[in-house]
Protein backbone atom coordinates (compact mmCIF):
# COMPACT_ATOMS: atom_id res chain seq x y z
CA MET A 1 19.14 0.29 19.28
CA LYS A 2 17.89 -2.36 16.73
CA LEU A 3 18.68 -0.29 13.76
CA ARG A 4 19.04 -2.45 10.76
CA ALA A 5 20.14 -1.76 7.17
CA PHE A 6 18.30 -3.42 4.55
CA GLY A 7 20.70 -3.04 1.36
CA GLU A 8 21.57 0.04 0.81
CA HIS A 9 19.15 1.75 3.25
CA ARG A 10 20.00 2.47 6.72
CA PRO A 11 17.36 4.00 9.48
CA VAL A 12 18.06 7.40 10.44
CA ALA A 13 17.19 8.66 13.66
CA GLY A 14 16.48 12.15 15.10
CA ARG A 15 17.74 13.56 18.82
CA GLY A 16 16.44 11.97 22.24
CA VAL A 17 14.97 8.73 20.18
CA TYR A 18 14.03 5.75 22.71
CA VAL A 19 14.16 2.14 20.38
CA ASP A 20 13.21 -0.36 22.65
CA PRO A 21 15.64 -3.05 22.51
CA MET A 22 13.12 -5.29 21.95
CA ALA A 23 12.01 -3.45 18.72
CA VAL A 24 13.51 -3.78 15.66
CA VAL A 25 13.79 -0.94 12.71
CA ILE A 26 14.76 -2.19 9.23
CA GLY A 27 15.69 -0.25 6.24
CA GLN A 28 13.98 3.28 4.77
CA VAL A 29 12.96 4.52 7.81
CA THR A 30 13.13 8.00 9.55
CA LEU A 31 12.36 8.33 13.11
CA GLY A 32 12.09 12.37 14.22
CA ASP A 33 13.18 13.69 17.38
CA ASP A 34 11.85 12.34 20.90
CA VAL A 35 10.50 9.20 18.94
CA SER A 36 9.61 5.96 20.92
CA LEU A 37 9.07 3.03 19.63
CA TRP A 38 7.99 0.47 22.82
CA PRO A 39 8.61 -3.57 23.14
CA GLY A 40 7.77 -5.83 20.55
CA THR A 41 7.71 -3.01 17.68
CA VAL A 42 8.16 -3.71 14.07
CA VAL A 43 9.14 -1.34 11.74
CA ARG A 44 10.49 -2.48 8.50
CA GLY A 45 11.14 -0.11 5.45
CA ASP A 46 12.57 -2.78 3.66
CA VAL A 47 10.47 -2.14 0.12
CA ASN A 48 9.27 1.66 0.61
CA GLU A 49 10.25 4.11 3.08
CA ILE A 50 8.62 4.86 6.82
CA HIS A 51 8.78 8.34 7.94
CA ILE A 52 7.75 9.15 11.99
CA GLY A 53 7.29 12.75 12.79
CA GLN A 54 8.57 14.29 15.92
CA ARG A 55 7.15 13.09 19.58
CA SER A 56 5.01 10.33 18.15
CA ASN A 57 5.02 7.06 19.87
CA ILE A 58 4.55 3.28 18.78
CA GLN A 59 3.72 1.15 21.33
CA ASP A 60 4.09 -2.40 22.25
CA GLY A 61 3.68 -4.60 19.76
CA SER A 62 2.49 -2.51 16.50
CA VAL A 63 3.62 -3.46 12.94
CA LEU A 64 4.09 -0.66 10.63
CA HIS A 65 5.09 -2.04 7.14
CA VAL A 66 4.83 -0.36 3.08
CA THR A 67 3.61 -1.55 0.15
CA HIS A 68 6.22 -2.03 -2.98
CA ASP A 69 6.55 -1.05 -6.89
CA GLY A 70 4.95 -3.78 -8.62
CA PRO A 71 2.50 -4.34 -10.96
CA TYR A 72 -0.71 -3.84 -8.95
CA SER A 73 1.01 -0.99 -7.13
CA PRO A 74 2.78 1.28 -9.36
CA GLY A 75 5.08 3.11 -7.31
CA GLY A 76 4.27 1.52 -4.20
CA LEU A 77 3.13 3.47 -1.21
CA PRO A 78 5.55 4.51 1.60
CA LEU A 79 3.77 4.87 5.55
CA LEU A 80 4.02 8.68 6.62
CA ILE A 81 3.27 9.09 10.40
CA GLY A 82 2.94 12.92 11.50
CA ASN A 83 4.06 14.77 14.29
CA ASP A 84 3.09 14.25 17.95
CA VAL A 85 1.19 10.99 17.07
CA THR A 86 0.31 7.96 19.56
CA VAL A 87 -0.26 4.68 18.13
CA GLY A 88 -1.46 2.08 20.52
CA HIS A 89 -1.02 -1.66 21.27
CA GLN A 90 -0.69 -4.20 18.66
CA VAL A 91 -1.51 -1.76 15.45
CA THR A 92 -1.06 -2.54 12.22
CA LEU A 93 -0.32 0.39 9.94
CA HIS A 94 0.13 -0.40 6.46
CA ALA A 95 1.20 1.95 3.75
CA CYS A 96 -1.20 4.57 5.03
CA GLU A 97 -0.94 8.67 6.09
CA ILE A 98 -1.60 9.88 9.45
CA GLY A 99 -1.39 13.56 10.09
CA ASP A 100 -0.52 15.28 13.35
CA ARG A 101 -1.67 14.82 16.71
CA CYS A 102 -3.80 11.45 15.73
CA LEU A 103 -4.25 8.70 18.13
CA ILE A 104 -4.81 5.20 16.92
CA GLY A 105 -6.55 2.99 19.28
CA MET A 106 -5.06 -0.48 20.34
CA THR A 107 -5.23 -3.55 17.67
CA SER A 108 -6.51 -0.96 15.07
CA CYS A 109 -5.73 -1.24 11.50
CA VAL A 110 -5.10 1.19 8.88
CA MET A 111 -4.50 -0.45 5.10
CA ASP A 112 -2.74 0.97 1.96
CA GLY A 113 -3.92 4.56 0.40
CA ALA A 114 -5.73 5.61 3.68
CA VAL A 115 -5.46 8.70 5.14
CA LEU A 116 -5.98 10.30 8.58
CA GLU A 117 -6.39 14.12 8.48
CA ASP A 118 -4.83 15.87 11.56
CA ASP A 119 -6.36 15.48 14.98
CA VAL A 120 -8.00 12.33 14.48
CA MET A 121 -8.75 9.67 17.19
CA LEU A 122 -9.49 5.84 16.08
CA ALA A 123 -11.03 4.05 18.98
CA ALA A 124 -9.67 0.83 19.67
CA GLY A 125 -10.32 -2.00 17.52
CA SER A 126 -11.22 -0.24 14.27
CA LEU A 127 -10.32 -0.69 10.46
CA VAL A 128 -9.71 1.77 8.01
CA ALA A 129 -9.59 0.40 4.35
CA PRO A 130 -7.58 0.77 2.03
CA GLY A 131 -8.05 4.50 0.25
CA TYR A 132 -10.16 5.77 2.84
CA ARG A 133 -10.05 9.20 4.31
CA LEU A 134 -10.89 10.40 7.78
CA SER A 135 -11.83 14.33 8.59
CA ALA A 136 -9.72 16.46 10.88
CA GLY A 137 -11.05 17.14 14.32
CA SER A 138 -13.41 13.83 13.97
CA LEU A 139 -13.66 10.67 15.99
CA TYR A 140 -14.22 7.52 14.11
CA ARG A 141 -14.78 3.52 15.55
CA GLY A 142 -15.59 0.14 14.19
CA ARG A 143 -14.97 -2.55 11.70
CA PRO A 144 -15.03 -0.17 9.18
CA ALA A 145 -14.56 2.79 10.92
CA LYS A 146 -17.54 5.13 10.91
CA ARG A 147 -17.48 9.10 11.55
CA VAL A 148 -19.16 9.19 15.32
CA ARG A 149 -18.94 13.09 15.71
CA ASP A 150 -16.12 16.33 16.17
CA LEU A 151 -14.16 15.95 18.55
CA GLU A 152 -13.93 18.11 21.70
CA GLN A 153 -11.91 20.54 23.25
CA ASP A 154 -10.64 18.71 26.08
CA GLU A 155 -9.91 16.09 23.18
CA PHE A 156 -7.87 17.91 21.33
CA GLU A 157 -5.93 19.01 24.35
CA MET A 158 -5.60 14.89 25.26
CA LEU A 159 -4.22 14.26 21.77
CA ARG A 160 -1.14 16.75 22.59
CA TYR A 161 -0.99 15.42 26.27
CA SER A 162 -0.75 11.83 24.81
CA ALA A 163 2.21 13.17 22.68
CA ALA A 164 3.89 14.74 25.32
CA HIS A 165 3.58 12.17 27.90
CA TYR A 166 5.39 9.48 26.22
CA VAL A 167 8.35 12.25 25.35
CA ARG A 168 8.61 12.04 29.21
CA LEU A 169 8.62 8.25 29.67
CA LYS A 170 10.85 7.71 27.01
CA ASN A 171 13.10 10.23 28.40
CA ARG A 172 12.84 8.56 31.96
CA TYR A 173 13.88 5.08 30.06
CA LEU A 174 16.67 7.05 28.43
CA GLY A 175 17.67 8.16 31.92
CA THR A 176 17.40 11.72 30.59
CA SER A 177 14.61 13.28 32.57
């Protein structure tokens, strides 16, 4: 695994974690059980902390970072990702909060202080502006992201399926399936 210390902070990984050899995890990062980080992913907790919940997956080329404590951001902002979250290819998550069972579509960007409540689907290519809050059980899309509608029952089920699928896939990569 490409887990690197920064200063006195070293990443902590739970059980069954898969970090692709082409991914990098730096500093104050906690990876819950069964997390998977795919090729080209950068998780940089150098100036604040990052928590990725159980069974969440961060797909190829995504960038996860935080905001430092400074005069324009007192206390800074961490990046908090819940359980069973699917983050699509080339997503940027910066100092935001992602609830449980969310799906972040490919090439989306979620900015500082934004909050996605539980069970949110964010369509590919969307931009969530700083400080914006996305309501639970909803589909959002666009630049800036706008609420489209409530999720349907099969979409709630798909959110769970997506996370479970990536747990099975990472187990194959680890040779434990």
